[in-house]
C-alpha atoms as a PDB file:
ATOM      1  CA  MET A   1      15.219   2.060  16.187  1.00  0.00           C
ATOM      2  CA  ALA A   2      11.910   2.581  17.958  1.00  0.00           C
ATOM      3  CA  ASN A   3       8.573   2.209  16.199  1.00  0.00           C
ATOM      4  CA  TYR A   4       6.553   5.124  14.844  1.00  0.00           C
ATOM      5  CA  PHE A   5       4.316   5.708  17.872  1.00  0.00           C
ATOM      6  CA  THR A   6       7.278   6.071  20.201  1.00  0.00           C
ATOM      7  CA  TYR A   7       8.104   9.424  18.579  1.00  0.00           C
ATOM      8  CA  LEU A   8       4.604  10.863  18.985  1.00  0.00           C
ATOM      9  CA  PRO A   9       4.074  13.046  22.069  1.00  0.00           C
ATOM     10  CA  ASN A  10       1.460  12.274  24.707  1.00  0.00           C
ATOM     11  CA  VAL A  11      -1.732  14.213  25.346  1.00  0.00           C
ATOM     12  CA  TYR A  12      -4.352  14.038  28.099  1.00  0.00           C
ATOM     13  CA  VAL A  13      -7.880  13.635  26.743  1.00  0.00           C
ATOM     14  CA  GLY A  14     -10.850  14.693  28.839  1.00  0.00           C
ATOM     15  CA  GLN A  15     -13.316  11.993  29.801  1.00  0.00           C
ATOM     16  CA  GLU A  16     -16.144  11.393  32.234  1.00  0.00           C
ATOM     17  CA  GLU A  17     -15.303   8.974  35.029  1.00  0.00           C
ATOM     18  CA  SER A  18     -17.670   6.295  36.311  1.00  0.00           C
ATOM     19  CA  ASP A  19     -18.637   8.499  39.254  1.00  0.00           C
ATOM     20  CA  GLY A  20     -19.541  11.376  36.929  1.00  0.00           C
ATOM     21  CA  ARG A  21     -16.505  13.490  37.682  1.00  0.00           C
ATOM     22  CA  LEU A  22     -14.268  14.895  34.953  1.00  0.00           C
ATOM     23  CA  GLY A  23     -11.004  13.090  34.450  1.00  0.00           C
ATOM     24  CA  TYR A  24      -8.250  12.476  31.934  1.00  0.00           C
ATOM     25  CA  ARG A  25      -6.774   9.661  29.918  1.00  0.00           C
ATOM     26  CA  LEU A  26      -3.201   9.795  28.634  1.00  0.00           C
ATOM     27  CA  ILE A  27      -2.857   8.751  24.980  1.00  0.00           C
ATOM     28  CA  LYS A  28      -0.574   9.334  22.013  1.00  0.00           C
ATOM     29  CA  ASN A  29      -1.360  12.471  20.035  1.00  0.00           C
ATOM     30  CA  MET A  30      -2.303  10.927  16.698  1.00  0.00           C
ATOM     31  CA  PHE A  31      -2.834  14.365  15.181  1.00  0.00           C
ATOM     32  CA  ARG A  32       0.919  14.926  15.091  1.00  0.00           C
ATOM     33  CA  ARG A  33       2.404  13.635  11.868  1.00  0.00           C
ATOM     34  CA  GLY A  34       5.107  14.459   9.375  1.00  0.00           C
ATOM     35  CA  TYR A  35       5.547  14.306   5.638  1.00  0.00           C
ATOM     36  CA  LEU A  36       8.247  15.205   3.162  1.00  0.00           C
ATOM     37  CA  ASP A  37       8.193  18.730   1.843  1.00  0.00           C
ATOM     38  CA  PRO A  38       7.712  19.030  -1.973  1.00  0.00           C
ATOM     39  CA  ILE A  39      11.148  20.638  -2.157  1.00  0.00           C
ATOM     40  CA  ILE A  40      12.594  17.157  -1.626  1.00  0.00           C
ATOM     41  CA  GLU A  41      11.829  16.488  -5.305  1.00  0.00           C
ATOM     42  CA  LYS A  42      14.892  18.595  -6.137  1.00  0.00           C
ATOM     43  CA  TYR A  43      17.026  16.034  -4.355  1.00  0.00           C
ATOM     44  CA  ILE A  44      15.560  12.935  -5.961  1.00  0.00           C
ATOM     45  CA  THR A  45      19.073  11.472  -6.240  1.00  0.00           C
ATOM     46  CA  ALA A  46      18.759  10.554  -2.568  1.00  0.00           C
ATOM     47  CA  PHE A  47      16.062   8.056  -3.516  1.00  0.00           C
ATOM     48  CA  GLU A  48      16.027   4.791  -5.401  1.00  0.00           C
ATOM     49  CA  THR A  49      13.065   2.980  -6.944  1.00  0.00           C
ATOM     50  CA  PHE A  50      12.066  -0.390  -5.569  1.00  0.00           C
ATOM     51  CA  TYR A  51       9.577  -2.937  -6.939  1.00  0.00           C
ATOM     52  CA  ILE A  52       7.452  -4.514  -4.209  1.00  0.00           C
ATOM     53  CA  THR A  53       7.108  -8.227  -4.794  1.00  0.00           C
ATOM     54  CA  ASP A  54       3.988 -10.259  -4.048  1.00  0.00           C
ATOM     55  CA  ASN A  55       2.998 -10.519  -0.363  1.00  0.00           C
ATOM     56  CA  MET A  56       5.789  -8.192   0.833  1.00  0.00           C
ATOM     57  CA  ARG A  57       4.727  -6.071   3.811  1.00  0.00           C
ATOM     58  CA  PRO A  58       6.181  -2.658   4.766  1.00  0.00           C
ATOM     59  CA  ASP A  59       7.939  -4.092   7.820  1.00  0.00           C
ATOM     60  CA  GLN A  60       9.519  -6.836   5.709  1.00  0.00           C
ATOM     61  CA  LEU A  61      10.764  -4.281   3.197  1.00  0.00           C
ATOM     62  CA  ALA A  62      12.170  -2.101   5.994  1.00  0.00           C
ATOM     63  CA  HIS A  63      14.063  -5.099   7.379  1.00  0.00           C
ATOM     64  CA  LYS A  64      15.371  -5.978   3.910  1.00  0.00           C
ATOM     65  CA  VAL A  65      16.547  -2.461   3.054  1.00  0.00           C
ATOM     66  CA  TYR A  66      17.401  -0.924   6.444  1.00  0.00           C
ATOM     67  CA  GLY A  67      17.850  -3.991   8.635  1.00  0.00           C
ATOM     68  CA  ASP A  68      15.111  -2.767  11.000  1.00  0.00           C
ATOM     69  CA  SER A  69      11.431  -3.657  10.609  1.00  0.00           C
ATOM     70  CA  ASN A  70      10.473  -0.764  12.924  1.00  0.00           C
ATOM     71  CA  LEU A  71      11.398   1.644  10.131  1.00  0.00           C
ATOM     72  CA  ASP A  72       8.386   0.627   8.063  1.00  0.00           C
ATOM     73  CA  TRP A  73       6.843   4.039   8.826  1.00  0.00           C
ATOM     74  CA  VAL A  74       9.793   5.759   7.102  1.00  0.00           C
ATOM     75  CA  ILE A  75       8.967   3.926   3.869  1.00  0.00           C
ATOM     76  CA  LEU A  76       5.289   4.831   4.186  1.00  0.00           C
ATOM     77  CA  MET A  77       6.017   8.496   4.945  1.00  0.00           C
ATOM     78  CA  VAL A  78       8.503   8.897   2.089  1.00  0.00           C
ATOM     79  CA  ASN A  79       5.851   7.587  -0.315  1.00  0.00           C
ATOM     80  CA  ASN A  80       3.027   9.592   1.327  1.00  0.00           C
ATOM     81  CA  ILE A  81       1.125   6.420   2.188  1.00  0.00           C
ATOM     82  CA  ILE A  82      -1.484   7.192   4.845  1.00  0.00           C
ATOM     83  CA  ASP A  83      -3.532   3.998   4.648  1.00  0.00           C
ATOM     84  CA  PRO A  84      -1.413   0.913   3.854  1.00  0.00           C
ATOM     85  CA  TYR A  85      -4.572  -1.182   3.554  1.00  0.00           C
ATOM     86  CA  THR A  86      -5.583   0.664   0.388  1.00  0.00           C
ATOM     87  CA  GLN A  87      -2.386   2.369  -0.809  1.00  0.00           C
ATOM     88  CA  TRP A  88      -0.002  -0.555  -0.444  1.00  0.00           C
ATOM     89  CA  PRO A  89      -0.112  -3.061  -3.358  1.00  0.00           C
ATOM     90  CA  LYS A  90      -2.336  -6.077  -2.900  1.00  0.00           C
ATOM     91  CA  SER A  91      -1.024  -9.595  -3.386  1.00  0.00           C
ATOM     92  CA  THR A  92      -2.194 -11.372  -6.540  1.00  0.00           C
ATOM     93  CA  THR A  93      -4.642 -13.448  -4.516  1.00  0.00           C
ATOM     94  CA  ASP A  94      -6.015 -10.471  -2.611  1.00  0.00           C
ATOM     95  CA  LEU A  95      -6.318  -8.478  -5.831  1.00  0.00           C
ATOM     96  CA  ASN A  96      -8.297 -11.236  -7.569  1.00  0.00           C
ATOM     97  CA  ASN A  97     -10.567 -11.571  -4.526  1.00  0.00           C
ATOM     98  CA  TYR A  98     -11.080  -7.808  -4.441  1.00  0.00           C
ATOM     99  CA  ILE A  99     -12.035  -7.720  -8.119  1.00  0.00           C
ATOM    100  CA  GLN A 100     -14.457 -10.626  -7.764  1.00  0.00           C
ATOM    101  CA  GLU A 101     -16.108  -9.088  -4.701  1.00  0.00           C
ATOM    102  CA  THR A 102     -16.303  -5.556  -6.110  1.00  0.00           C
ATOM    103  CA  TYR A 103     -17.462  -6.138  -9.672  1.00  0.00           C
ATOM    104  CA  ASP A 104     -20.286  -8.268 -11.046  1.00  0.00           C
ATOM    105  CA  ASN A 105     -18.412  -8.819 -14.311  1.00  0.00           C
ATOM    106  CA  PRO A 106     -14.626  -8.297 -14.146  1.00  0.00           C
ATOM    107  CA  ASP A 107     -14.413  -8.745 -17.917  1.00  0.00           C
ATOM    108  CA  GLU A 108     -16.702  -5.822 -18.725  1.00  0.00           C
ATOM    109  CA  ILE A 109     -15.195  -2.793 -20.449  1.00  0.00           C
ATOM    110  CA  HIS A 110     -13.816  -0.189 -18.079  1.00  0.00           C
ATOM    111  CA  HIS A 111     -12.535   2.246 -20.724  1.00  0.00           C
ATOM    112  CA  TRP A 112     -10.839   2.507 -24.131  1.00  0.00           C
ATOM    113  CA  GLU A 113      -7.219   3.387 -24.925  1.00  0.00           C
ATOM    114  CA  THR A 114      -5.371   4.349 -28.105  1.00  0.00           C
ATOM    115  CA  ASN A 115      -3.243   1.990 -30.145  1.00  0.00           C
ATOM    116  CA  GLU A 116       0.192   3.176 -31.190  1.00  0.00           C
ATOM    117  CA  VAL A 117       0.014   4.644 -34.679  1.00  0.00           C
ATOM    118  CA  LYS A 118       3.131   5.325 -36.746  1.00  0.00           C
ATOM    119  CA  LEU A 119       3.530   7.274 -39.958  1.00  0.00           C
ATOM    120  CA  ASP A 120       5.303   5.859 -43.001  1.00  0.00           C
ATOM    121  CA  ASP A 121       8.630   7.346 -41.871  1.00  0.00           C
ATOM    122  CA  GLY A 122       8.406   5.593 -38.510  1.00  0.00           C
ATOM    123  CA  THR A 123       7.370   8.675 -36.539  1.00  0.00           C
ATOM    124  CA  ILE A 124       4.930   7.909 -33.737  1.00  0.00           C
ATOM    125  CA  PHE A 125       1.767   9.820 -34.546  1.00  0.00           C
ATOM    126  CA  VAL A 126      -0.390   8.539 -31.662  1.00  0.00           C
ATOM    127  CA  GLN A 127       0.990   7.199 -28.382  1.00  0.00           C
ATOM    128  CA  LYS A 128      -0.308   3.892 -27.049  1.00  0.00           C
ATOM    129  CA  GLY A 129      -2.346   3.862 -23.862  1.00  0.00           C
ATOM    130  CA  VAL A 130      -4.062   7.245 -23.931  1.00  0.00           C
ATOM    131  CA  GLU A 131      -7.557   6.923 -22.463  1.00  0.00           C
ATOM    132  CA  VAL A 132     -10.230   8.021 -24.946  1.00  0.00           C
ATOM    133  CA  GLY A 133     -13.905   7.498 -25.673  1.00  0.00           C
ATOM    134  CA  GLU A 134     -15.250   4.539 -27.625  1.00  0.00           C
ATOM    135  CA  ASN A 135     -16.032   6.762 -30.626  1.00  0.00           C
ATOM    136  CA  TYR A 136     -12.467   8.017 -30.999  1.00  0.00           C
ATOM    137  CA  ARG A 137     -10.831   7.402 -34.390  1.00  0.00           C
ATOM    138  CA  VAL A 138      -7.338   8.339 -35.563  1.00  0.00           C
ATOM    139  CA  THR A 139      -7.233  10.759 -38.489  1.00  0.00           C
ATOM    140  CA  LEU A 140      -3.900  10.699 -40.310  1.00  0.00           C
ATOM    141  CA  PRO A 141      -2.182  13.796 -41.784  1.00  0.00           C
ATOM    142  CA  ASN A 142      -3.318  12.747 -45.278  1.00  0.00           C
ATOM    143  CA  GLY A 143      -6.948  12.954 -44.137  1.00  0.00           C
ATOM    144  CA  SER A 144      -7.672   9.232 -43.966  1.00  0.00           C
ATOM    145  CA  THR A 145      -9.325   7.809 -40.860  1.00  0.00           C
ATOM    146  CA  LEU A 146      -8.363   4.524 -39.291  1.00  0.00           C
ATOM    147  CA  SER A 147     -10.883   1.919 -38.232  1.00  0.00           C
ATOM    148  CA  LYS A 148     -12.000   1.388 -34.661  1.00  0.00           C
ATOM    149  CA  THR A 149      -9.794  -1.698 -34.340  1.00  0.00           C
ATOM    150  CA  ASP A 150      -6.708   0.182 -35.558  1.00  0.00           C
ATOM    151  CA  SER A 151      -7.458   3.264 -33.455  1.00  0.00           C
ATOM    152  CA  ILE A 152      -8.405   1.950 -30.002  1.00  0.00           C
ATOM    153  CA  TYR A 153      -8.594  -1.121 -27.815  1.00  0.00           C
ATOM    154  CA  GLN A 154     -10.709  -1.946 -24.792  1.00  0.00           C
ATOM    155  CA  VAL A 155      -9.471  -2.274 -21.220  1.00  0.00           C
ATOM    156  CA  SER A 156     -11.467  -4.509 -18.901  1.00  0.00           C
ATOM    157  CA  VAL A 157     -12.228  -3.833 -15.250  1.00  0.00           C
ATOM    158  CA  ALA A 158      -9.808  -6.585 -14.201  1.00  0.00           C
ATOM    159  CA  GLU A 159      -7.034  -5.172 -16.412  1.00  0.00           C
ATOM    160  CA  HIS A 160      -7.583  -1.674 -15.051  1.00  0.00           C
ATOM    161  CA  GLU A 161      -7.437  -2.779 -11.408  1.00  0.00           C
ATOM    162  CA  THR A 162      -4.325  -4.845 -12.127  1.00  0.00           C
ATOM    163  CA  TYR A 163      -2.647  -1.818 -13.704  1.00  0.00           C
ATOM    164  CA  LEU A 164      -3.468   0.389 -10.705  1.00  0.00           C
ATOM    165  CA  ASN A 165      -2.079  -2.258  -8.363  1.00  0.00           C
ATOM    166  CA  GLU A 166       1.112  -2.544 -10.407  1.00  0.00           C
ATOM    167  CA  GLN A 167       1.634   1.205 -10.151  1.00  0.00           C
ATOM    168  CA  LYS A 168       1.627   0.870  -6.356  1.00  0.00           C
ATOM    169  CA  ARG A 169       4.442  -1.675  -6.539  1.00  0.00           C
ATOM    170  CA  LEU A 170       6.943   0.976  -7.633  1.00  0.00           C
ATOM    171  CA  ILE A 171       7.951   3.047  -4.606  1.00  0.00           C
ATOM    172  CA  SER A 172      10.809   5.310  -3.583  1.00  0.00           C
ATOM    173  CA  LEU A 173      13.305   4.426  -0.871  1.00  0.00           C
ATOM    174  CA  ILE A 174      15.439   6.973   0.903  1.00  0.00           C
ATOM    175  CA  SER A 175      19.144   6.162   1.130  1.00  0.00           C
ATOM    176  CA  PRO A 176      20.011   4.129   4.262  1.00  0.00           C
ATOM    177  CA  GLY A 177      22.614   6.757   5.146  1.00  0.00           C
ATOM    178  CA  LEU A 178      19.906   9.420   5.446  1.00  0.00           C
ATOM    179  CA  VAL A 179      17.435   7.428   7.539  1.00  0.00           C
ATOM    180  CA  GLU A 180      18.863   8.372  10.929  1.00  0.00           C
ATOM    181  CA  THR A 181      18.883  12.064   9.989  1.00  0.00           C
ATOM    182  CA  LEU A 182      15.282  11.874   8.798  1.00  0.00           C
ATOM    183  CA  VAL A 183      14.176  10.129  11.995  1.00  0.00           C
ATOM    184  CA  ASP A 184      15.884  12.763  14.153  1.00  0.00           C
ATOM    185  CA  LYS A 185      14.248  15.591  12.215  1.00  0.00           C
ATOM    186  CA  PHE A 186      10.869  13.873  12.397  1.00  0.00           C
ATOM    187  CA  GLU A 187      11.125  13.515  16.165  1.00  0.00           C
ATOM    188  CA  GLY A 188      11.872  17.216  16.487  1.00  0.00           C
ATOM    189  CA  VAL A 189       9.043  18.229  14.162  1.00  0.00           C
ATOM    190  CA  VAL A 190       6.285  16.273  15.938  1.00  0.00           C
ATOM    191  CA  ALA A 191       7.457  17.320  19.420  1.00  0.00           C
ATOM    192  CA  TYR A 192       5.577  20.070  21.263  1.00  0.00           C
ATOM    193  CA  ASP A 193       6.980  23.553  21.591  1.00  0.00           C
ATOM    194  CA  GLN A 194       7.306  24.929  25.113  1.00  0.00           C
ATOM    195  CA  HIS A 195       3.858  25.773  26.455  1.00  0.00           C
ATOM    196  CA  PRO A 196       2.137  26.245  29.857  1.00  0.00           C
ATOM    197  CA  GLU A 197      -0.052  23.195  29.198  1.00  0.00           C
ATOM    198  CA  LEU A 198       2.966  20.843  29.227  1.00  0.00           C
ATOM    199  CA  ASP A 199       3.740  19.034  32.475  1.00  0.00           C
ATOM    200  CA  LEU A 200       7.186  18.078  33.747  1.00  0.00           C
ATOM    201  CA  GLN A 201       7.137  14.910  31.668  1.00  0.00           C
ATOM    202  CA  GLY A 202       6.320  16.855  28.505  1.00  0.00           C
ATOM    203  CA  ASN A 203       2.723  15.596  28.319  1.00  0.00           C
ATOM    204  CA  LYS A 204       0.125  18.064  27.099  1.00  0.00           C
ATOM    205  CA  ARG A 205      -2.824  18.712  29.411  1.00  0.00           C
ATOM    206  CA  SER A 206      -5.509  21.260  28.553  1.00  0.00           C
ATOM    207  CA  PRO A 207      -7.929  22.373  31.281  1.00  0.00           C
ATOM    208  CA  ASN A 208     -11.138  20.380  31.282  1.00  0.00           C
ATOM    209  CA  SER A 209     -14.500  22.081  30.794  1.00  0.00           C
ATOM    210  CA  SER A 210     -17.717  21.415  32.650  1.00  0.00           C
ATOM    211  CA  THR A 211     -19.489  21.074  29.276  1.00  0.00           C
ATOM    212  CA  SER A 212     -17.255  18.214  28.096  1.00  0.00           C
ATOM    213  CA  PRO A 213     -19.491  15.369  29.352  1.00  0.00           C
ATOM    214  CA  TYR A 214     -22.446  16.748  27.437  1.00  0.00           C
ATOM    215  CA  ILE A 215     -21.241  17.809  23.999  1.00  0.00           C
ATOM    216  CA  ASN A 216     -21.712  14.339  22.496  1.00  0.00           C
ATOM    217  CA  ARG A 217     -25.213  13.956  23.884  1.00  0.00           C
ATOM    218  CA  LYS A 218     -28.243  14.676  21.737  1.00  0.00           C
ATOM    219  CA  SER A 219     -29.970  16.408  24.623  1.00  0.00           C
ATOM    220  CA  TYR A 220     -27.187  19.016  24.923  1.00  0.00           C
ATOM    221  CA  ARG A 221     -27.934  22.419  23.358  1.00  0.00           C
ATOM    222  CA  THR A 222     -25.797  25.520  23.595  1.00  0.00           C
ATOM    223  CA  GLN A 223     -27.430  28.731  24.839  1.00  0.00           C
ATOM    224  CA  SER A 224     -24.894  31.101  23.286  1.00  0.00           C
ATOM    225  CA  GLY A 225     -26.636  34.191  21.970  1.00  0.00           C
ATOM    226  CA  ILE A 226     -24.027  34.652  19.253  1.00  0.00           C
ATOM    227  CA  ALA A 227     -24.306  31.045  18.167  1.00  0.00           C
ATOM    228  CA  SER A 228     -28.108  31.220  18.175  1.00  0.00           C
ATOM    229  CA  ALA A 229     -28.040  34.231  15.900  1.00  0.00           C
ATOM    230  CA  LEU A 230     -25.796  32.467  13.388  1.00  0.00           C
ATOM    231  CA  GLY A 231     -27.271  29.021  13.625  1.00  0.00           C
ATOM    232  CA  GLU A 232     -25.271  26.025  14.810  1.00  0.00           C
ATOM    233  CA  ALA A 233     -22.421  26.303  17.323  1.00  0.00           C
ATOM    234  CA  ILE A 234     -19.281  24.291  17.838  1.00  0.00           C
ATOM    235  CA  THR A 235     -18.142  23.787  21.419  1.00  0.00           C
ATOM    236  CA  SER A 236     -14.593  22.983  22.475  1.00  0.00           C
ATOM    237  CA  PHE A 237     -13.316  21.940  25.867  1.00  0.00           C
ATOM    238  CA  ASP A 238     -11.095  24.982  26.088  1.00  0.00           C
ATOM    239  CA  TYR A 239     -12.843  27.900  24.479  1.00  0.00           C
ATOM    240  CA  GLY A 240     -16.574  27.348  24.873  1.00  0.00           C
ATOM    241  CA  PRO A 241     -19.077  27.998  22.049  1.00  0.00           C
ATOM    242  CA  LEU A 242     -17.497  28.965  18.758  1.00  0.00           C
ATOM    243  CA  ILE A 243     -19.509  30.524  15.950  1.00  0.00           C
ATOM    244  CA  ALA A 244     -20.475  28.232  13.127  1.00  0.00           C
ATOM    245  CA  LEU A 245     -18.643  30.358  10.591  1.00  0.00           C
ATOM    246  CA  GLN A 246     -15.342  29.278  12.093  1.00  0.00           C
ATOM    247  CA  THR A 247     -13.655  26.615   9.990  1.00  0.00           C
ATOM    248  CA  ALA A 248     -14.277  23.180  11.449  1.00  0.00           C
ATOM    249  CA  VAL A 249     -11.035  21.674  10.249  1.00  0.00           C
ATOM    250  CA  THR A 250      -7.764  23.573   9.967  1.00  0.00           C
ATOM    251  CA  ASP A 251      -4.459  22.272   8.671  1.00  0.00           C
ATOM    252  CA  VAL A 252      -1.330  24.084   9.712  1.00  0.00           C
ATOM    253  CA  SER A 253       1.874  23.158   7.931  1.00  0.00           C
ATOM    254  CA  VAL A 254       5.288  24.173   9.126  1.00  0.00           C
ATOM    255  CA  ALA A 255       7.809  23.386   6.404  1.00  0.00           C
ATOM    256  CA  SER A 256      11.557  23.400   6.727  1.00  0.00           C
ATOM    257  CA  THR A 257      13.548  23.613   3.525  1.00  0.00           C
ATOM    258  CA  SER A 258      16.669  22.544   5.362  1.00  0.00           C
ATOM    259  CA  THR A 259      15.196  19.341   6.739  1.00  0.00           C
ATOM    260  CA  ALA A 260      12.663  18.639   3.986  1.00  0.00           C
ATOM    261  CA  VAL A 261      10.316  17.445   6.742  1.00  0.00           C
ATOM    262  CA  THR A 262       6.998  19.078   7.581  1.00  0.00           C
ATOM    263  CA  THR A 263       4.553  18.614  10.402  1.00  0.00           C
ATOM    264  CA  VAL A 264       0.809  18.877  10.068  1.00  0.00           C
ATOM    265  CA  SER A 265      -1.372  19.948  12.956  1.00  0.00           C
ATOM    266  CA  SER A 266      -5.130  19.529  12.605  1.00  0.00           C
ATOM    267  CA  SER A 267      -8.000  20.757  14.745  1.00  0.00           C
ATOM    268  CA  THR A 268     -11.419  19.261  14.403  1.00  0.00           C
ATOM    269  CA  GLY A 269     -14.652  20.909  15.428  1.00  0.00           C
ATOM    270  CA  GLY A 270     -17.946  19.259  16.280  1.00  0.00           C
ATOM    271  CA  THR A 271     -17.096  17.056  19.218  1.00  0.00           C
ATOM    272  CA  SER A 272     -14.128  19.365  19.426  1.00  0.00           C
ATOM    273  CA  SER A 273     -10.671  18.010  19.271  1.00  0.00           C
ATOM    274  CA  SER A 274      -7.730  20.045  18.132  1.00  0.00           C
ATOM    275  CA  SER A 275      -4.008  19.632  17.993  1.00  0.00           C
ATOM    276  CA  GLY A 276      -1.688  22.282  19.269  1.00  0.00           C
ATOM    277  CA  SER A 277      -0.707  25.030  16.870  1.00  0.00           C
ATOM    278  CA  SER A 278       3.030  24.932  16.314  1.00  0.00           C
ATOM    279  CA  GLY A 279       3.224  22.160  18.811  1.00  0.00           C
ATOM    280  CA  SER A 280       1.313  22.839  21.980  1.00  0.00           C
ATOM    281  CA  SER A 281      -1.494  25.363  21.993  1.00  0.00           C
ATOM    282  CA  GLY A 282      -4.696  24.148  23.586  1.00  0.00           C
ATOM    283  CA  GLY A 283      -7.313  22.032  21.897  1.00  0.00           C
ATOM    284  CA  SER A 284     -10.428  20.252  23.037  1.00  0.00           C
ATOM    285  CA  GLY A 285      -9.831  17.424  25.371  1.00  0.00           C
ATOM    286  CA  GLY A 286      -6.151  18.234  25.307  1.00  0.00           C
ATOM    287  CA  TYR A 287      -5.411  17.606  21.629  1.00  0.00           C
END
């Protein structure tokens, strides 16, 4: 199958040409993305748990499980991994280097956790591994209090980071038989709806604005009377000055319980870029 970016639609972004005229550049619309709807949790039987071994990359896992390294994005999306550099487990070597570079003393105490405490009949009174303060002591039903050593134990910075990394090694994999269906649904979700700004090739192109070359320049100041009365203004390529009370970032989710796939469209103020609502409404610079 094709890689992730192949499924993303194209968008023309406004830019200033070398001769000062306004022009466009065709790029992939990175604001279009999908994620699994929470309702998918009801169908957890479609998933299996996999332990990521040392040095295994997403593309290697995709090739191992699905026979196609281009499906690495499916694994990342199913596990809601946005940044594989921080959310994917580090190798043992990389983890040790990270700990050494981040902390002055990896052996210092990070926090304290409870020891397992059982009553005389074998009943577990206190579970092991509950994070508590250093002054915590277990008080038994008979009123006696256990010592610090019997109540809690210390967890070092290195142990804590290792535990967090181990948690990342356990991920969910969607059944190979469902991958093609998921990919088809994803392609439909991130595609634009029909809109006047789409050209014959399906590329989105919002009209450029004469203010676009100036909005990133410190010398540019809006003269909007409404904006001046409220304070700061946000200017977009398409709609001109917008009052500062308008939300700068908006997330629009369109969920489908039948496909369990959702698309997120975001619009960003400031230098003004926005993705199309429900697929293709105008945004600054064509987003």
